[in-house]
Amino acid sequence: MRYSIMLQLVISIALLLLGAAALFAWLQSRTAEPQSNLEDTNQSLLHLFNPRTDKGLLRTHPPK
């Protein structure tokens, strides 16, 4: 009984590490996006989470 639990633990850890390695390899091998797309995304996120605007998700005052 102990052997089967230990085997399951070793296999699950090995699969977890293998999945993490595959994800890391995929992240390293993908091509980079053009800088303009990243800047547009950053501006959109900054506008969305800006508490000083009426449209921001993190506003501190109730809508008018």
Protein backbone atom coordinates (compact mmCIF):
# COMPACT_ATOMS: atom_id res chain seq x y z
CA MET A 1 0.00 0.00 0.00
CA ARG A 2 2.78 2.46 0.84
CA TYR A 3 4.51 1.73 -2.44
CA SER A 4 1.46 2.69 -4.49
CA ILE A 5 1.00 5.99 -2.62
CA MET A 6 4.68 6.82 -3.05
CA LEU A 7 4.49 5.93 -6.74
CA GLN A 8 1.45 8.17 -7.22
CA LEU A 9 3.23 11.01 -5.46
CA VAL A 10 6.36 10.64 -7.59
CA ILE A 11 4.35 10.44 -10.81
CA SER A 12 2.24 13.47 -9.92
CA ILE A 13 5.32 15.55 -9.05
CA ALA A 14 7.04 14.42 -12.25
CA LEU A 15 3.98 15.40 -14.33
CA LEU A 16 3.78 18.76 -12.60
CA LEU A 17 7.44 19.50 -13.31
CA LEU A 18 7.09 18.29 -16.89
CA GLY A 19 4.09 20.55 -17.43
CA ALA A 20 5.95 23.52 -15.95
CA ALA A 21 8.95 22.80 -18.20
CA ALA A 22 6.69 22.60 -21.26
CA LEU A 23 5.03 25.90 -20.35
CA PHE A 24 8.40 27.56 -19.81
CA ALA A 25 9.71 26.21 -23.14
CA TRP A 26 6.59 27.49 -24.92
CA LEU A 27 6.98 30.93 -23.35
CA GLN A 28 10.62 31.08 -24.36
CA SER A 29 10.04 29.99 -27.95
CA ARG A 30 7.09 32.18 -28.90
CA THR A 31 7.65 35.29 -30.96
CA ALA A 32 7.45 38.71 -29.35
CA GLU A 33 4.56 41.03 -30.14
CA PRO A 34 5.27 44.35 -31.81
CA GLN A 35 5.88 47.18 -29.35
CA SER A 36 2.88 49.22 -30.54
CA ASN A 37 0.44 46.45 -29.54
CA LEU A 38 1.98 46.28 -26.07
CA GLU A 39 1.75 50.05 -25.64
CA ASP A 40 -1.91 50.04 -26.69
CA THR A 41 -2.64 47.25 -24.21
CA ASN A 42 -0.84 49.11 -21.43
CA GLN A 43 -2.79 52.29 -22.13
CA SER A 44 -6.08 50.38 -22.16
CA LEU A 45 -5.28 48.70 -18.83
CA LEU A 46 -4.19 51.98 -17.25
CA HIS A 47 -7.42 53.65 -18.37
CA LEU A 48 -9.54 50.72 -17.19
CA PHE A 49 -8.06 50.61 -13.68
CA ASN A 50 -7.66 54.36 -13.20
CA PRO A 51 -9.61 55.37 -10.06
CA ARG A 52 -9.71 59.03 -11.14
CA THR A 53 -12.01 58.42 -14.13
CA ASP A 54 -15.72 57.68 -14.08
CA LYS A 55 -15.18 54.59 -16.25
CA GLY A 56 -12.46 53.01 -14.11
CA LEU A 57 -13.20 49.77 -12.27
CA LEU A 58 -11.51 50.99 -9.10
CA ARG A 59 -13.43 54.21 -8.65
CA THR A 60 -13.86 55.36 -5.07
CA HIS A 61 -16.97 57.47 -5.56
CA PRO A 62 -20.43 56.32 -6.69
CA PRO A 63 -21.40 56.94 -10.33
CA LYS A 64 -23.24 60.20 -11.05
